[in-house]
Amino acid sequence: MRKRSPREIIESKEGPHNEHAYFKFPRKELIDITKKPEVMRYERNLKKTSSALIAERRKKYMEIHTHPANLLSAYQIPKEEENLYRNLEDTSLIPSGEDFAIFLRDGDEKSMAIAQREADTGKIRGYLIIRKTKETPQSKIFPSRLLSRLKEFIFKPYHPIEGKMSVDSQHYGSKMEKAAERGKKQHVFELFDRFASQYKLKYRFVPVEEYELNAEKTTFIKKGLEKRVSLAFSIAFLMASLFFSSLNLTGNVIGESHLTSSNLLGGVLFLVGTIAAFYYLRK
């Protein structure tokens, strides 16, 4: 029987607007360890988790879980919350504080991947892969002892390192969520990058064929989308500037002050259009 790729398994899973979690052991298919998938969060199934660890004899592994994109197209959002969800979608690739807390406190989880998945079609846009290094603080709660792993998700500061990990993850998560809700994409990435540097984590973005990373590095978008937006803005502003300039030539502006205002507005629009065109060509 042919071994399915991680992408095939993830894309075949129903309910793409919910988050799902998997274990990836070397040379093995993904193991679904989701207990209760929900929108923007998930819960691990302890029985599935322990069974996988027993079967694989406590090998080091990667945890992959999904983050939904474009929820507005697949999930019924109350109108008063549409702007909030639109802002959250623009940063949906970035891990939450809870994601980092689980990752850092598990000594056997050597890497974590977030698969950004279309909420309507289930197709994957790309992956954010994060891995620990030799300099990453080592967890003492979940060493490579199987029975200790059964205490997973009981987040108590048994050891000073774990206590700091929990506090730092919570602080990061709180700041990141507030910035995401306000649409501050650049700040969201800066918080993520700062946290990764603090814990000596390495990361890389891996878009699939038709996608690319946005300028702020917070989500994957269709290739060329930002270029098309820049081009549309540049054309619109240049046409508007020509319109205001043409008023002066046709005599439709009456009075000196009106003429000056029209020239000024036309000049500003032309400048903005030129900048947008330059951005398009540079990209």
C-alpha atoms as a PDB file:
ATOM      1  CA  MET A   1       0.000   0.000   0.000  1.00  0.00           C
ATOM      2  CA  ARG A   2       1.379   3.384  -1.034  1.00  0.00           C
ATOM      3  CA  LYS A   3       2.350   5.698   1.799  1.00  0.00           C
ATOM      4  CA  ARG A   4       0.400   8.941   1.626  1.00  0.00           C
ATOM      5  CA  SER A   5       2.194  12.258   1.893  1.00  0.00           C
ATOM      6  CA  PRO A   6       1.448  14.659   4.784  1.00  0.00           C
ATOM      7  CA  ARG A   7      -0.216  17.020   2.323  1.00  0.00           C
ATOM      8  CA  GLU A   8      -2.553  14.311   1.034  1.00  0.00           C
ATOM      9  CA  ILE A   9      -3.590  13.317   4.541  1.00  0.00           C
ATOM     10  CA  ILE A  10      -4.175  16.879   5.735  1.00  0.00           C
ATOM     11  CA  GLU A  11      -6.098  17.969   2.641  1.00  0.00           C
ATOM     12  CA  SER A  12      -8.358  14.902   2.805  1.00  0.00           C
ATOM     13  CA  LYS A  13      -9.465  15.703   6.351  1.00  0.00           C
ATOM     14  CA  GLU A  14     -13.035  17.008   6.628  1.00  0.00           C
ATOM     15  CA  GLY A  15     -13.841  20.250   8.413  1.00  0.00           C
ATOM     16  CA  PRO A  16     -10.967  22.392   7.114  1.00  0.00           C
ATOM     17  CA  HIS A  17     -12.245  25.429   9.050  1.00  0.00           C
ATOM     18  CA  ASN A  18     -11.290  23.552  12.251  1.00  0.00           C
ATOM     19  CA  GLU A  19      -7.771  22.898  13.516  1.00  0.00           C
ATOM     20  CA  HIS A  20      -6.386  19.343  13.388  1.00  0.00           C
ATOM     21  CA  ALA A  21      -3.164  17.948  14.881  1.00  0.00           C
ATOM     22  CA  TYR A  22      -0.837  15.144  13.786  1.00  0.00           C
ATOM     23  CA  PHE A  23       2.360  13.376  14.852  1.00  0.00           C
ATOM     24  CA  LYS A  24       5.051  12.814  12.217  1.00  0.00           C
ATOM     25  CA  PHE A  25       7.589  10.105  12.974  1.00  0.00           C
ATOM     26  CA  PRO A  26      10.522   9.386  10.618  1.00  0.00           C
ATOM     27  CA  ARG A  27       9.493   7.399   7.525  1.00  0.00           C
ATOM     28  CA  LYS A  28       5.910   7.012   8.752  1.00  0.00           C
ATOM     29  CA  GLU A  29       2.533   8.427   7.700  1.00  0.00           C
ATOM     30  CA  LEU A  30       1.006  11.191   9.766  1.00  0.00           C
ATOM     31  CA  ILE A  31      -0.909  10.039  12.845  1.00  0.00           C
ATOM     32  CA  ASP A  32      -4.053  12.022  13.635  1.00  0.00           C
ATOM     33  CA  ILE A  33      -4.048  12.840  17.373  1.00  0.00           C
ATOM     34  CA  THR A  34      -6.950  15.306  17.375  1.00  0.00           C
ATOM     35  CA  LYS A  35      -9.571  14.875  20.056  1.00  0.00           C
ATOM     36  CA  LYS A  36     -11.838  17.850  19.526  1.00  0.00           C
ATOM     37  CA  PRO A  37     -11.153  20.048  16.487  1.00  0.00           C
ATOM     38  CA  GLU A  38     -12.467  23.590  16.801  1.00  0.00           C
ATOM     39  CA  VAL A  39     -12.152  26.897  14.978  1.00  0.00           C
ATOM     40  CA  MET A  40      -8.763  28.437  15.807  1.00  0.00           C
ATOM     41  CA  ARG A  41      -7.900  25.809  18.456  1.00  0.00           C
ATOM     42  CA  TYR A  42      -7.651  22.046  18.951  1.00  0.00           C
ATOM     43  CA  GLU A  43      -7.304  19.498  21.720  1.00  0.00           C
ATOM     44  CA  ARG A  44      -5.043  16.448  21.619  1.00  0.00           C
ATOM     45  CA  ASN A  45      -6.475  12.998  22.231  1.00  0.00           C
ATOM     46  CA  LEU A  46      -4.435  11.618  25.136  1.00  0.00           C
ATOM     47  CA  LYS A  47      -5.212   7.992  24.221  1.00  0.00           C
ATOM     48  CA  LYS A  48      -4.099   8.477  20.607  1.00  0.00           C
ATOM     49  CA  THR A  49      -1.025  10.384  21.791  1.00  0.00           C
ATOM     50  CA  SER A  50       0.114   7.702  24.241  1.00  0.00           C
ATOM     51  CA  SER A  51      -0.657   4.875  21.754  1.00  0.00           C
ATOM     52  CA  ALA A  52       1.484   6.550  19.094  1.00  0.00           C
ATOM     53  CA  LEU A  53       4.366   7.033  21.518  1.00  0.00           C
ATOM     54  CA  ILE A  54       4.198   3.405  22.644  1.00  0.00           C
ATOM     55  CA  ALA A  55       4.076   2.140  19.046  1.00  0.00           C
ATOM     56  CA  GLU A  56       7.026   4.295  18.005  1.00  0.00           C
ATOM     57  CA  ARG A  57       9.009   3.587  21.171  1.00  0.00           C
ATOM     58  CA  ARG A  58       9.379   7.213  22.193  1.00  0.00           C
ATOM     59  CA  LYS A  59      11.137   8.409  19.057  1.00  0.00           C
ATOM     60  CA  LYS A  60      11.616  12.118  18.526  1.00  0.00           C
ATOM     61  CA  TYR A  61       8.886  13.533  16.343  1.00  0.00           C
ATOM     62  CA  MET A  62       7.370  16.551  14.627  1.00  0.00           C
ATOM     63  CA  GLU A  63       3.927  17.824  15.524  1.00  0.00           C
ATOM     64  CA  ILE A  64       1.921  19.295  12.636  1.00  0.00           C
ATOM     65  CA  HIS A  65      -1.303  21.148  13.172  1.00  0.00           C
ATOM     66  CA  THR A  66      -3.451  23.228  10.866  1.00  0.00           C
ATOM     67  CA  HIS A  67      -4.453  26.881  10.955  1.00  0.00           C
ATOM     68  CA  PRO A  68      -7.450  27.806   8.776  1.00  0.00           C
ATOM     69  CA  ALA A  69      -7.263  30.668   6.273  1.00  0.00           C
ATOM     70  CA  ASN A  70     -10.103  32.727   4.722  1.00  0.00           C
ATOM     71  CA  LEU A  71     -12.628  31.763   7.403  1.00  0.00           C
ATOM     72  CA  LEU A  72     -15.056  34.405   6.140  1.00  0.00           C
ATOM     73  CA  SER A  73     -15.632  32.405   2.954  1.00  0.00           C
ATOM     74  CA  ALA A  74     -16.433  29.133   4.714  1.00  0.00           C
ATOM     75  CA  TYR A  75     -17.638  29.884   8.215  1.00  0.00           C
ATOM     76  CA  GLN A  76     -20.654  31.911   9.278  1.00  0.00           C
ATOM     77  CA  ILE A  77     -19.251  34.902  11.150  1.00  0.00           C
ATOM     78  CA  PRO A  78     -21.520  37.437  12.899  1.00  0.00           C
ATOM     79  CA  LYS A  79     -21.443  40.733  10.991  1.00  0.00           C
ATOM     80  CA  GLU A  80     -20.187  42.642  14.020  1.00  0.00           C
ATOM     81  CA  GLU A  81     -17.132  40.331  14.142  1.00  0.00           C
ATOM     82  CA  GLU A  82     -16.237  40.344  10.434  1.00  0.00           C
ATOM     83  CA  ASN A  83     -13.528  43.018  10.739  1.00  0.00           C
ATOM     84  CA  LEU A  84     -11.983  41.179  13.686  1.00  0.00           C
ATOM     85  CA  TYR A  85     -11.833  37.884  11.778  1.00  0.00           C
ATOM     86  CA  ARG A  86     -10.498  39.640   8.691  1.00  0.00           C
ATOM     87  CA  ASN A  87      -7.602  40.984  10.772  1.00  0.00           C
ATOM     88  CA  LEU A  88      -7.016  37.585  12.370  1.00  0.00           C
ATOM     89  CA  GLU A  89      -6.918  35.900   8.949  1.00  0.00           C
ATOM     90  CA  ASP A  90      -4.103  38.206   7.883  1.00  0.00           C
ATOM     91  CA  THR A  91      -1.944  36.746  10.663  1.00  0.00           C
ATOM     92  CA  SER A  92      -3.347  33.196  10.783  1.00  0.00           C
ATOM     93  CA  LEU A  93       0.004  31.569   9.964  1.00  0.00           C
ATOM     94  CA  ILE A  94       1.684  32.730  13.176  1.00  0.00           C
ATOM     95  CA  PRO A  95       1.707  30.332  16.190  1.00  0.00           C
ATOM     96  CA  SER A  96      -0.254  31.223  19.305  1.00  0.00           C
ATOM     97  CA  GLY A  97       1.114  31.370  22.821  1.00  0.00           C
ATOM     98  CA  GLU A  98      -0.480  27.976  23.531  1.00  0.00           C
ATOM     99  CA  ASP A  99       1.232  26.521  20.438  1.00  0.00           C
ATOM    100  CA  PHE A 100       4.616  27.610  21.774  1.00  0.00           C
ATOM    101  CA  ALA A 101       3.870  26.458  25.343  1.00  0.00           C
ATOM    102  CA  ILE A 102       3.102  22.907  24.189  1.00  0.00           C
ATOM    103  CA  PHE A 103       6.074  22.838  21.831  1.00  0.00           C
ATOM    104  CA  LEU A 104       8.658  24.046  24.354  1.00  0.00           C
ATOM    105  CA  ARG A 105       7.453  21.910  27.246  1.00  0.00           C
ATOM    106  CA  ASP A 106       7.638  18.648  25.293  1.00  0.00           C
ATOM    107  CA  GLY A 107      11.205  17.353  25.309  1.00  0.00           C
ATOM    108  CA  ASP A 108      10.534  14.794  22.553  1.00  0.00           C
ATOM    109  CA  GLU A 109       8.932  17.225  20.117  1.00  0.00           C
ATOM    110  CA  LYS A 110      11.914  18.450  18.135  1.00  0.00           C
ATOM    111  CA  SER A 111      10.008  20.458  15.544  1.00  0.00           C
ATOM    112  CA  MET A 112       6.579  21.928  14.955  1.00  0.00           C
ATOM    113  CA  ALA A 113       4.889  22.740  11.665  1.00  0.00           C
ATOM    114  CA  ILE A 114       1.814  24.877  11.060  1.00  0.00           C
ATOM    115  CA  ALA A 115      -0.009  23.975   7.853  1.00  0.00           C
ATOM    116  CA  GLN A 116      -2.120  26.903   6.687  1.00  0.00           C
ATOM    117  CA  ARG A 117      -5.222  25.438   5.079  1.00  0.00           C
ATOM    118  CA  GLU A 118      -8.029  26.986   3.040  1.00  0.00           C
ATOM    119  CA  ALA A 119     -11.154  26.941   5.211  1.00  0.00           C
ATOM    120  CA  ASP A 120     -13.480  26.292   2.253  1.00  0.00           C
ATOM    121  CA  THR A 121     -11.568  23.940  -0.085  1.00  0.00           C
ATOM    122  CA  GLY A 122      -9.211  22.338   2.442  1.00  0.00           C
ATOM    123  CA  LYS A 123      -6.187  22.959   0.199  1.00  0.00           C
ATOM    124  CA  ILE A 124      -2.879  23.810   1.866  1.00  0.00           C
ATOM    125  CA  ARG A 125      -1.320  27.214   1.208  1.00  0.00           C
ATOM    126  CA  GLY A 126       2.004  26.404   2.827  1.00  0.00           C
ATOM    127  CA  TYR A 127       3.869  25.578   6.020  1.00  0.00           C
ATOM    128  CA  LEU A 128       5.673  27.404   8.802  1.00  0.00           C
ATOM    129  CA  ILE A 129       8.281  24.981  10.171  1.00  0.00           C
ATOM    130  CA  ILE A 130       9.885  25.694  13.557  1.00  0.00           C
ATOM    131  CA  ARG A 131      12.622  23.548  15.084  1.00  0.00           C
ATOM    132  CA  LYS A 132      14.568  23.501  18.298  1.00  0.00           C
ATOM    133  CA  THR A 133      18.352  23.873  18.332  1.00  0.00           C
ATOM    134  CA  LYS A 134      21.051  22.770  20.761  1.00  0.00           C
ATOM    135  CA  GLU A 135      20.768  26.174  22.435  1.00  0.00           C
ATOM    136  CA  THR A 136      17.006  25.865  23.047  1.00  0.00           C
ATOM    137  CA  PRO A 137      16.307  25.399  26.790  1.00  0.00           C
ATOM    138  CA  GLN A 138      15.543  21.747  27.515  1.00  0.00           C
ATOM    139  CA  SER A 139      12.281  20.828  29.183  1.00  0.00           C
ATOM    140  CA  LYS A 140      12.425  18.793  32.399  1.00  0.00           C
ATOM    141  CA  ILE A 141       8.724  17.990  32.694  1.00  0.00           C
ATOM    142  CA  PHE A 142       8.435  15.739  29.658  1.00  0.00           C
ATOM    143  CA  PRO A 143      11.725  13.855  29.288  1.00  0.00           C
ATOM    144  CA  SER A 144      11.889  10.702  27.201  1.00  0.00           C
ATOM    145  CA  ARG A 145      10.013   8.676  29.814  1.00  0.00           C
ATOM    146  CA  LEU A 146       6.697   7.434  28.514  1.00  0.00           C
ATOM    147  CA  LEU A 147       4.820   7.602  31.821  1.00  0.00           C
ATOM    148  CA  SER A 148       5.875  11.212  32.303  1.00  0.00           C
ATOM    149  CA  ARG A 149       4.392  12.034  28.912  1.00  0.00           C
ATOM    150  CA  LEU A 150       0.924  11.052  30.179  1.00  0.00           C
ATOM    151  CA  LYS A 151       0.964  14.187  32.319  1.00  0.00           C
ATOM    152  CA  GLU A 152       0.937  16.303  29.174  1.00  0.00           C
ATOM    153  CA  PHE A 153      -1.119  19.531  29.278  1.00  0.00           C
ATOM    154  CA  ILE A 154      -1.005  19.779  33.089  1.00  0.00           C
ATOM    155  CA  PHE A 155       0.776  23.112  32.904  1.00  0.00           C
ATOM    156  CA  LYS A 156       2.257  23.619  36.363  1.00  0.00           C
ATOM    157  CA  PRO A 157       5.695  25.132  37.013  1.00  0.00           C
ATOM    158  CA  TYR A 158       7.352  21.971  38.348  1.00  0.00           C
ATOM    159  CA  HIS A 159      10.722  23.346  37.352  1.00  0.00           C
ATOM    160  CA  PRO A 160      11.977  26.960  37.007  1.00  0.00           C
ATOM    161  CA  ILE A 161      12.645  26.503  33.280  1.00  0.00           C
ATOM    162  CA  GLU A 162       9.100  25.274  32.621  1.00  0.00           C
ATOM    163  CA  GLY A 163       7.637  28.057  34.755  1.00  0.00           C
ATOM    164  CA  LYS A 164       9.480  30.653  32.675  1.00  0.00           C
ATOM    165  CA  MET A 165       8.458  28.948  29.442  1.00  0.00           C
ATOM    166  CA  SER A 166       4.800  29.108  30.461  1.00  0.00           C
ATOM    167  CA  VAL A 167       4.966  32.761  31.532  1.00  0.00           C
ATOM    168  CA  ASP A 168       6.884  33.832  28.413  1.00  0.00           C
ATOM    169  CA  SER A 169       4.474  31.926  26.150  1.00  0.00           C
ATOM    170  CA  GLN A 170       1.464  33.526  27.825  1.00  0.00           C
ATOM    171  CA  HIS A 171       2.937  37.022  27.545  1.00  0.00           C
ATOM    172  CA  TYR A 172       3.810  36.468  23.889  1.00  0.00           C
ATOM    173  CA  GLY A 173       0.341  35.061  23.159  1.00  0.00           C
ATOM    174  CA  SER A 174      -1.441  37.972  24.835  1.00  0.00           C
ATOM    175  CA  LYS A 175       0.574  40.617  22.971  1.00  0.00           C
ATOM    176  CA  MET A 176       0.358  38.757  19.658  1.00  0.00           C
ATOM    177  CA  GLU A 177      -3.431  38.330  19.851  1.00  0.00           C
ATOM    178  CA  LYS A 178      -3.981  42.022  20.648  1.00  0.00           C
ATOM    179  CA  ALA A 179      -1.780  43.081  17.732  1.00  0.00           C
ATOM    180  CA  ALA A 180      -3.544  40.605  15.397  1.00  0.00           C
ATOM    181  CA  GLU A 181      -6.999  41.826  16.429  1.00  0.00           C
ATOM    182  CA  ARG A 182      -5.934  45.400  15.593  1.00  0.00           C
ATOM    183  CA  GLY A 183      -4.565  44.385  12.204  1.00  0.00           C
ATOM    184  CA  LYS A 184      -0.940  45.180  13.076  1.00  0.00           C
ATOM    185  CA  LYS A 185       0.625  42.503  10.906  1.00  0.00           C
ATOM    186  CA  GLN A 186       4.203  43.774  11.065  1.00  0.00           C
ATOM    187  CA  HIS A 187       4.089  43.901  14.857  1.00  0.00           C
ATOM    188  CA  VAL A 188       2.717  40.342  14.996  1.00  0.00           C
ATOM    189  CA  PHE A 189       5.686  39.043  13.006  1.00  0.00           C
ATOM    190  CA  GLU A 190       8.142  41.051  15.124  1.00  0.00           C
ATOM    191  CA  LEU A 191       6.722  39.478  18.304  1.00  0.00           C
ATOM    192  CA  PHE A 192       7.007  36.002  16.773  1.00  0.00           C
ATOM    193  CA  ASP A 193      10.561  36.592  15.551  1.00  0.00           C
ATOM    194  CA  ARG A 194      11.603  38.001  18.938  1.00  0.00           C
ATOM    195  CA  PHE A 195      10.177  34.985  20.789  1.00  0.00           C
ATOM    196  CA  ALA A 196      11.890  32.563  18.399  1.00  0.00           C
ATOM    197  CA  SER A 197      15.204  34.350  18.947  1.00  0.00           C
ATOM    198  CA  GLN A 198      14.726  34.319  22.720  1.00  0.00           C
ATOM    199  CA  TYR A 199      14.350  30.525  22.735  1.00  0.00           C
ATOM    200  CA  LYS A 200      16.942  29.888  20.010  1.00  0.00           C
ATOM    201  CA  LEU A 201      14.406  28.467  17.570  1.00  0.00           C
ATOM    202  CA  LYS A 202      14.948  28.280  13.823  1.00  0.00           C
ATOM    203  CA  TYR A 203      12.062  28.713  11.392  1.00  0.00           C
ATOM    204  CA  ARG A 204      11.334  28.803   7.683  1.00  0.00           C
ATOM    205  CA  PHE A 205       8.309  29.431   5.491  1.00  0.00           C
ATOM    206  CA  VAL A 206       7.449  26.887   2.788  1.00  0.00           C
ATOM    207  CA  PRO A 207       4.638  27.988   0.435  1.00  0.00           C
ATOM    208  CA  VAL A 208       3.098  25.507  -2.010  1.00  0.00           C
ATOM    209  CA  GLU A 209       3.259  26.070  -5.756  1.00  0.00           C
ATOM    210  CA  GLU A 210       0.709  28.846  -6.334  1.00  0.00           C
ATOM    211  CA  TYR A 211       1.282  30.771  -3.095  1.00  0.00           C
ATOM    212  CA  GLU A 212       3.881  33.122  -1.658  1.00  0.00           C
ATOM    213  CA  LEU A 213       4.531  34.806   1.686  1.00  0.00           C
ATOM    214  CA  ASN A 214       3.003  38.247   2.164  1.00  0.00           C
ATOM    215  CA  ALA A 215       5.238  41.263   2.791  1.00  0.00           C
ATOM    216  CA  GLU A 216       4.665  41.170   6.567  1.00  0.00           C
ATOM    217  CA  LYS A 217       5.408  37.401   6.765  1.00  0.00           C
ATOM    218  CA  THR A 218       2.153  36.563   8.554  1.00  0.00           C
ATOM    219  CA  THR A 219       0.182  34.606   5.938  1.00  0.00           C
ATOM    220  CA  PHE A 220       0.461  32.986   2.518  1.00  0.00           C
ATOM    221  CA  ILE A 221      -1.283  34.684  -0.392  1.00  0.00           C
ATOM    222  CA  LYS A 222      -1.844  33.925  -4.064  1.00  0.00           C
ATOM    223  CA  LYS A 223       1.249  34.670  -6.130  1.00  0.00           C
ATOM    224  CA  GLY A 224       1.191  38.163  -7.570  1.00  0.00           C
ATOM    225  CA  LEU A 225      -1.717  39.354  -5.403  1.00  0.00           C
ATOM    226  CA  GLU A 226       0.201  42.209  -3.790  1.00  0.00           C
ATOM    227  CA  LYS A 227       1.583  43.201  -7.199  1.00  0.00           C
ATOM    228  CA  ARG A 228      -1.911  43.327  -8.699  1.00  0.00           C
ATOM    229  CA  VAL A 229      -3.177  45.439  -5.802  1.00  0.00           C
ATOM    230  CA  SER A 230      -0.254  47.867  -6.202  1.00  0.00           C
ATOM    231  CA  LEU A 231      -0.890  48.127  -9.940  1.00  0.00           C
ATOM    232  CA  ALA A 232      -4.615  48.761  -9.435  1.00  0.00           C
ATOM    233  CA  PHE A 233      -3.904  51.519  -6.896  1.00  0.00           C
ATOM    234  CA  SER A 234      -1.297  53.160  -9.121  1.00  0.00           C
ATOM    235  CA  ILE A 235      -3.653  53.208 -12.128  1.00  0.00           C
ATOM    236  CA  ALA A 236      -6.538  54.564 -10.030  1.00  0.00           C
ATOM    237  CA  PHE A 237      -4.479  57.395  -8.513  1.00  0.00           C
ATOM    238  CA  LEU A 238      -2.844  58.332 -11.820  1.00  0.00           C
ATOM    239  CA  MET A 239      -6.222  58.481 -13.557  1.00  0.00           C
ATOM    240  CA  ALA A 240      -7.617  60.613 -10.726  1.00  0.00           C
ATOM    241  CA  SER A 241      -4.667  63.000 -10.990  1.00  0.00           C
ATOM    242  CA  LEU A 242      -5.222  63.329 -14.748  1.00  0.00           C
ATOM    243  CA  PHE A 243      -8.915  64.040 -14.135  1.00  0.00           C
ATOM    244  CA  PHE A 244      -8.188  66.945 -11.781  1.00  0.00           C
ATOM    245  CA  SER A 245      -5.524  68.280 -14.111  1.00  0.00           C
ATOM    246  CA  SER A 246      -7.926  68.152 -17.072  1.00  0.00           C
ATOM    247  CA  LEU A 247     -10.400  70.346 -15.198  1.00  0.00           C
ATOM    248  CA  ASN A 248      -7.928  73.202 -15.418  1.00  0.00           C
ATOM    249  CA  LEU A 249      -7.543  72.744 -19.154  1.00  0.00           C
ATOM    250  CA  THR A 250     -11.279  72.612 -19.919  1.00  0.00           C
ATOM    251  CA  GLY A 251     -12.167  75.641 -17.856  1.00  0.00           C
ATOM    252  CA  ASN A 252     -14.435  73.747 -15.476  1.00  0.00           C
ATOM    253  CA  VAL A 253     -12.710  75.230 -12.453  1.00  0.00           C
ATOM    254  CA  ILE A 254     -13.791  78.761 -11.612  1.00  0.00           C
ATOM    255  CA  GLY A 255     -11.715  81.046  -9.446  1.00  0.00           C
ATOM    256  CA  GLU A 256      -8.082  81.223  -8.425  1.00  0.00           C
ATOM    257  CA  SER A 257      -8.465  79.340  -5.112  1.00  0.00           C
ATOM    258  CA  HIS A 258     -10.321  76.467  -6.787  1.00  0.00           C
ATOM    259  CA  LEU A 259      -7.624  76.253  -9.440  1.00  0.00           C
ATOM    260  CA  THR A 260      -4.886  76.043  -6.815  1.00  0.00           C
ATOM    261  CA  SER A 261      -6.738  73.371  -4.815  1.00  0.00           C
ATOM    262  CA  SER A 262      -7.351  71.321  -7.948  1.00  0.00           C
ATOM    263  CA  ASN A 263      -3.699  71.518  -8.952  1.00  0.00           C
ATOM    264  CA  LEU A 264      -2.593  70.538  -5.444  1.00  0.00           C
ATOM    265  CA  LEU A 265      -4.945  67.556  -5.253  1.00  0.00           C
ATOM    266  CA  GLY A 266      -3.953  66.417  -8.716  1.00  0.00           C
ATOM    267  CA  GLY A 267      -0.286  66.652  -7.766  1.00  0.00           C
ATOM    268  CA  VAL A 268      -0.768  64.636  -4.580  1.00  0.00           C
ATOM    269  CA  LEU A 269      -2.699  61.913  -6.413  1.00  0.00           C
ATOM    270  CA  PHE A 270      -0.040  61.781  -9.130  1.00  0.00           C
ATOM    271  CA  LEU A 271       2.685  61.390  -6.492  1.00  0.00           C
ATOM    272  CA  VAL A 272       0.818  58.576  -4.725  1.00  0.00           C
ATOM    273  CA  GLY A 273       0.168  56.833  -8.041  1.00  0.00           C
ATOM    274  CA  THR A 274       3.836  57.104  -8.987  1.00  0.00           C
ATOM    275  CA  ILE A 275       4.920  55.605  -5.647  1.00  0.00           C
ATOM    276  CA  ALA A 276       2.453  52.725  -6.069  1.00  0.00           C
ATOM    277  CA  ALA A 277       3.737  52.105  -9.607  1.00  0.00           C
ATOM    278  CA  PHE A 278       7.329  52.111  -8.332  1.00  0.00           C
ATOM    279  CA  TYR A 279       6.389  49.571  -5.636  1.00  0.00           C
ATOM    280  CA  TYR A 280       4.747  47.365  -8.281  1.00  0.00           C
ATOM    281  CA  LEU A 281       7.798  47.455 -10.549  1.00  0.00           C
ATOM    282  CA  ARG A 282      10.185  46.854  -7.637  1.00  0.00           C
ATOM    283  CA  LYS A 283       8.231  43.752  -6.548  1.00  0.00           C
END
